[in-house]
Protein backbone atom coordinates (compact mmCIF):
# COMPACT_ATOMS: atom_id res chain seq x y z
CA UNK A 1 0.00 0.00 0.00
CA UNK A 2 1.27 3.46 -0.82
CA UNK A 3 1.95 5.65 2.17
CA UNK A 4 2.98 9.05 0.86
CA UNK A 5 0.53 11.39 -0.84
CA UNK A 6 2.50 11.36 -4.09
CA UNK A 7 2.47 7.55 -4.18
CA UNK A 8 -1.29 7.52 -3.61
CA UNK A 9 -1.74 10.02 -6.41
CA UNK A 10 0.47 7.93 -8.72
CA UNK A 11 -1.73 4.89 -8.04
CA UNK A 12 -4.83 6.89 -8.99
CA UNK A 13 -3.17 8.21 -12.17
CA UNK A 14 -1.99 4.74 -13.16
CA UNK A 15 -5.50 3.35 -12.74
CA UNK A 16 -6.95 6.05 -15.02
CA UNK A 17 -4.27 5.60 -17.68
CA UNK A 18 -4.69 1.83 -17.58
CA UNK A 19 -8.38 2.16 -18.42
CA UNK A 20 -7.67 4.59 -21.25
CA UNK A 21 -4.83 2.47 -22.67
CA UNK A 22 -6.91 -0.71 -22.56
CA UNK A 23 -9.75 1.03 -24.37
CA UNK A 24 -7.43 2.28 -27.10
CA UNK A 25 -5.85 -1.13 -27.59
CA UNK A 26 -9.28 -2.74 -27.67
CA UNK A 27 -10.41 -0.33 -30.38
CA UNK A 28 -7.33 -1.15 -32.45
CA UNK A 29 -7.99 -4.88 -32.08
CA UNK A 30 -11.65 -4.45 -33.03
CA UNK A 31 -10.82 -2.44 -36.14
CA UNK A 32 -8.14 -4.97 -37.09
CA UNK A 33 -10.61 -7.84 -36.81
CA UNK A 34 -13.12 -5.94 -38.93
CA UNK A 35 -10.43 -5.32 -41.57
CA UNK A 36 -9.47 -9.00 -41.63
CA UNK A 37 -13.13 -9.98 -41.99
CA UNK A 38 -13.50 -7.68 -45.01
CA UNK A 39 -10.30 -9.10 -46.51
CA UNK A 40 -11.59 -12.63 -45.99
CA UNK A 41 -14.81 -11.63 -47.76
CA UNK A 42 -12.72 -10.40 -50.70
CA UNK A 43 -14.05 -6.85 -50.95
CA UNK A 44 -11.11 -4.70 -52.11
CA UNK A 45 -12.80 -1.28 -51.88
CA UNK A 46 -14.17 -1.87 -48.38
CA UNK A 47 -10.84 -3.32 -47.28
CA UNK A 48 -8.93 -0.25 -48.43
CA UNK A 49 -11.36 2.03 -46.57
CA UNK A 50 -11.08 -0.15 -43.48
CA UNK A 51 -7.28 -0.03 -43.71
CA UNK A 52 -7.42 3.76 -43.66
CA UNK A 53 -9.45 3.75 -40.45
CA UNK A 54 -7.19 1.16 -38.80
CA UNK A 55 -4.08 3.12 -39.82
CA UNK A 56 -5.55 6.34 -38.45
CA UNK A 57 -6.38 4.68 -35.14
CA UNK A 58 -2.93 3.08 -34.93
CA UNK A 59 -1.27 6.44 -35.55
CA UNK A 60 -3.36 8.12 -32.88
CA UNK A 61 -2.62 5.34 -30.43
CA UNK A 62 1.10 5.52 -31.18
CA UNK A 63 1.15 9.29 -30.78
CA UNK A 64 0.34 8.75 -27.12
CA UNK A 65 2.44 6.44 -24.99
CA UNK A 66 -0.09 3.63 -25.33
CA UNK A 67 1.77 1.88 -28.13
CA UNK A 68 5.27 2.29 -29.48
CA UNK A 69 5.52 3.97 -32.87
CA UNK A 70 7.40 1.07 -34.43
CA UNK A 71 4.81 -1.40 -33.14
CA UNK A 72 2.08 0.60 -34.86
CA UNK A 73 4.16 0.80 -38.05
CA UNK A 74 4.70 -2.96 -38.00
CA UNK A 75 0.99 -3.63 -37.59
CA UNK A 76 0.12 -1.20 -40.41
CA UNK A 77 2.69 -2.84 -42.67
CA UNK A 78 1.29 -6.31 -42.05
CA UNK A 79 -2.25 -5.15 -42.74
CA UNK A 80 -1.13 -3.39 -45.92
CA UNK A 81 0.53 -6.59 -47.09
CA UNK A 82 -2.77 -8.43 -46.64
CA UNK A 83 -4.57 -5.78 -48.66
CA UNK A 84 -1.94 -5.91 -51.42
CA UNK A 85 -2.22 -9.69 -51.58
CA UNK A 86 -5.98 -9.34 -51.92
CA UNK A 87 -5.58 -6.77 -54.70
CA UNK A 88 -3.12 -9.03 -56.54
CA UNK A 89 -5.43 -12.01 -56.18
CA UNK A 90 -8.45 -10.07 -57.46
CA UNK A 91 -6.43 -8.64 -60.38
CA UNK A 92 -5.39 -12.08 -61.60
CA UNK A 93 -8.82 -13.63 -61.11
C-alpha atoms as a PDB file:
ATOM      1  CA  UNK A   1       0.000   0.000   0.000  1.00  0.00           C
ATOM      2  CA  UNK A   2       1.268   3.459  -0.818  1.00  0.00           C
ATOM      3  CA  UNK A   3       1.950   5.649   2.168  1.00  0.00           C
ATOM      4  CA  UNK A   4       2.981   9.054   0.861  1.00  0.00           C
ATOM      5  CA  UNK A   5       0.533  11.388  -0.837  1.00  0.00           C
ATOM      6  CA  UNK A   6       2.497  11.357  -4.090  1.00  0.00           C
ATOM      7  CA  UNK A   7       2.474   7.551  -4.177  1.00  0.00           C
ATOM      8  CA  UNK A   8      -1.286   7.516  -3.615  1.00  0.00           C
ATOM      9  CA  UNK A   9      -1.744  10.023  -6.411  1.00  0.00           C
ATOM     10  CA  UNK A  10       0.466   7.934  -8.717  1.00  0.00           C
ATOM     11  CA  UNK A  11      -1.733   4.888  -8.036  1.00  0.00           C
ATOM     12  CA  UNK A  12      -4.829   6.889  -8.992  1.00  0.00           C
ATOM     13  CA  UNK A  13      -3.174   8.206 -12.167  1.00  0.00           C
ATOM     14  CA  UNK A  14      -1.988   4.737 -13.160  1.00  0.00           C
ATOM     15  CA  UNK A  15      -5.504   3.352 -12.739  1.00  0.00           C
ATOM     16  CA  UNK A  16      -6.950   6.051 -15.016  1.00  0.00           C
ATOM     17  CA  UNK A  17      -4.273   5.603 -17.676  1.00  0.00           C
ATOM     18  CA  UNK A  18      -4.690   1.826 -17.582  1.00  0.00           C
ATOM     19  CA  UNK A  19      -8.383   2.161 -18.417  1.00  0.00           C
ATOM     20  CA  UNK A  20      -7.669   4.592 -21.249  1.00  0.00           C
ATOM     21  CA  UNK A  21      -4.835   2.469 -22.669  1.00  0.00           C
ATOM     22  CA  UNK A  22      -6.906  -0.707 -22.561  1.00  0.00           C
ATOM     23  CA  UNK A  23      -9.755   1.033 -24.366  1.00  0.00           C
ATOM     24  CA  UNK A  24      -7.429   2.278 -27.096  1.00  0.00           C
ATOM     25  CA  UNK A  25      -5.847  -1.132 -27.589  1.00  0.00           C
ATOM     26  CA  UNK A  26      -9.275  -2.737 -27.668  1.00  0.00           C
ATOM     27  CA  UNK A  27     -10.414  -0.326 -30.383  1.00  0.00           C
ATOM     28  CA  UNK A  28      -7.330  -1.153 -32.446  1.00  0.00           C
ATOM     29  CA  UNK A  29      -7.991  -4.883 -32.075  1.00  0.00           C
ATOM     30  CA  UNK A  30     -11.654  -4.448 -33.031  1.00  0.00           C
ATOM     31  CA  UNK A  31     -10.818  -2.442 -36.140  1.00  0.00           C
ATOM     32  CA  UNK A  32      -8.137  -4.967 -37.091  1.00  0.00           C
ATOM     33  CA  UNK A  33     -10.607  -7.842 -36.811  1.00  0.00           C
ATOM     34  CA  UNK A  34     -13.119  -5.936 -38.933  1.00  0.00           C
ATOM     35  CA  UNK A  35     -10.432  -5.322 -41.565  1.00  0.00           C
ATOM     36  CA  UNK A  36      -9.468  -8.999 -41.626  1.00  0.00           C
ATOM     37  CA  UNK A  37     -13.126  -9.984 -41.989  1.00  0.00           C
ATOM     38  CA  UNK A  38     -13.501  -7.682 -45.005  1.00  0.00           C
ATOM     39  CA  UNK A  39     -10.297  -9.095 -46.508  1.00  0.00           C
ATOM     40  CA  UNK A  40     -11.594 -12.626 -45.987  1.00  0.00           C
ATOM     41  CA  UNK A  41     -14.809 -11.632 -47.756  1.00  0.00           C
ATOM     42  CA  UNK A  42     -12.717 -10.395 -50.704  1.00  0.00           C
ATOM     43  CA  UNK A  43     -14.050  -6.846 -50.951  1.00  0.00           C
ATOM     44  CA  UNK A  44     -11.111  -4.701 -52.105  1.00  0.00           C
ATOM     45  CA  UNK A  45     -12.801  -1.281 -51.879  1.00  0.00           C
ATOM     46  CA  UNK A  46     -14.171  -1.868 -48.384  1.00  0.00           C
ATOM     47  CA  UNK A  47     -10.837  -3.322 -47.279  1.00  0.00           C
ATOM     48  CA  UNK A  48      -8.927  -0.248 -48.430  1.00  0.00           C
ATOM     49  CA  UNK A  49     -11.360   2.029 -46.566  1.00  0.00           C
ATOM     50  CA  UNK A  50     -11.078  -0.150 -43.482  1.00  0.00           C
ATOM     51  CA  UNK A  51      -7.277  -0.035 -43.715  1.00  0.00           C
ATOM     52  CA  UNK A  52      -7.416   3.764 -43.659  1.00  0.00           C
ATOM     53  CA  UNK A  53      -9.450   3.749 -40.450  1.00  0.00           C
ATOM     54  CA  UNK A  54      -7.188   1.162 -38.797  1.00  0.00           C
ATOM     55  CA  UNK A  55      -4.078   3.118 -39.815  1.00  0.00           C
ATOM     56  CA  UNK A  56      -5.551   6.335 -38.454  1.00  0.00           C
ATOM     57  CA  UNK A  57      -6.377   4.679 -35.142  1.00  0.00           C
ATOM     58  CA  UNK A  58      -2.929   3.078 -34.929  1.00  0.00           C
ATOM     59  CA  UNK A  59      -1.266   6.440 -35.555  1.00  0.00           C
ATOM     60  CA  UNK A  60      -3.360   8.121 -32.883  1.00  0.00           C
ATOM     61  CA  UNK A  61      -2.618   5.340 -30.426  1.00  0.00           C
ATOM     62  CA  UNK A  62       1.096   5.517 -31.178  1.00  0.00           C
ATOM     63  CA  UNK A  63       1.154   9.286 -30.782  1.00  0.00           C
ATOM     64  CA  UNK A  64       0.343   8.746 -27.122  1.00  0.00           C
ATOM     65  CA  UNK A  65       2.441   6.439 -24.993  1.00  0.00           C
ATOM     66  CA  UNK A  66      -0.094   3.632 -25.329  1.00  0.00           C
ATOM     67  CA  UNK A  67       1.770   1.882 -28.127  1.00  0.00           C
ATOM     68  CA  UNK A  68       5.272   2.290 -29.485  1.00  0.00           C
ATOM     69  CA  UNK A  69       5.517   3.972 -32.867  1.00  0.00           C
ATOM     70  CA  UNK A  70       7.400   1.072 -34.428  1.00  0.00           C
ATOM     71  CA  UNK A  71       4.808  -1.404 -33.144  1.00  0.00           C
ATOM     72  CA  UNK A  72       2.084   0.599 -34.855  1.00  0.00           C
ATOM     73  CA  UNK A  73       4.159   0.802 -38.046  1.00  0.00           C
ATOM     74  CA  UNK A  74       4.704  -2.960 -38.003  1.00  0.00           C
ATOM     75  CA  UNK A  75       0.986  -3.626 -37.590  1.00  0.00           C
ATOM     76  CA  UNK A  76       0.118  -1.201 -40.407  1.00  0.00           C
ATOM     77  CA  UNK A  77       2.685  -2.842 -42.669  1.00  0.00           C
ATOM     78  CA  UNK A  78       1.288  -6.315 -42.049  1.00  0.00           C
ATOM     79  CA  UNK A  79      -2.254  -5.147 -42.736  1.00  0.00           C
ATOM     80  CA  UNK A  80      -1.131  -3.386 -45.919  1.00  0.00           C
ATOM     81  CA  UNK A  81       0.525  -6.588 -47.092  1.00  0.00           C
ATOM     82  CA  UNK A  82      -2.775  -8.435 -46.637  1.00  0.00           C
ATOM     83  CA  UNK A  83      -4.574  -5.777 -48.657  1.00  0.00           C
ATOM     84  CA  UNK A  84      -1.939  -5.909 -51.423  1.00  0.00           C
ATOM     85  CA  UNK A  85      -2.221  -9.686 -51.577  1.00  0.00           C
ATOM     86  CA  UNK A  86      -5.982  -9.345 -51.920  1.00  0.00           C
ATOM     87  CA  UNK A  87      -5.576  -6.773 -54.704  1.00  0.00           C
ATOM     88  CA  UNK A  88      -3.116  -9.029 -56.543  1.00  0.00           C
ATOM     89  CA  UNK A  89      -5.434 -12.008 -56.178  1.00  0.00           C
ATOM     90  CA  UNK A  90      -8.447 -10.072 -57.458  1.00  0.00           C
ATOM     91  CA  UNK A  91      -6.434  -8.637 -60.379  1.00  0.00           C
ATOM     92  CA  UNK A  92      -5.392 -12.077 -61.598  1.00  0.00           C
ATOM     93  CA  UNK A  93      -8.816 -13.630 -61.111  1.00  0.00           C
END
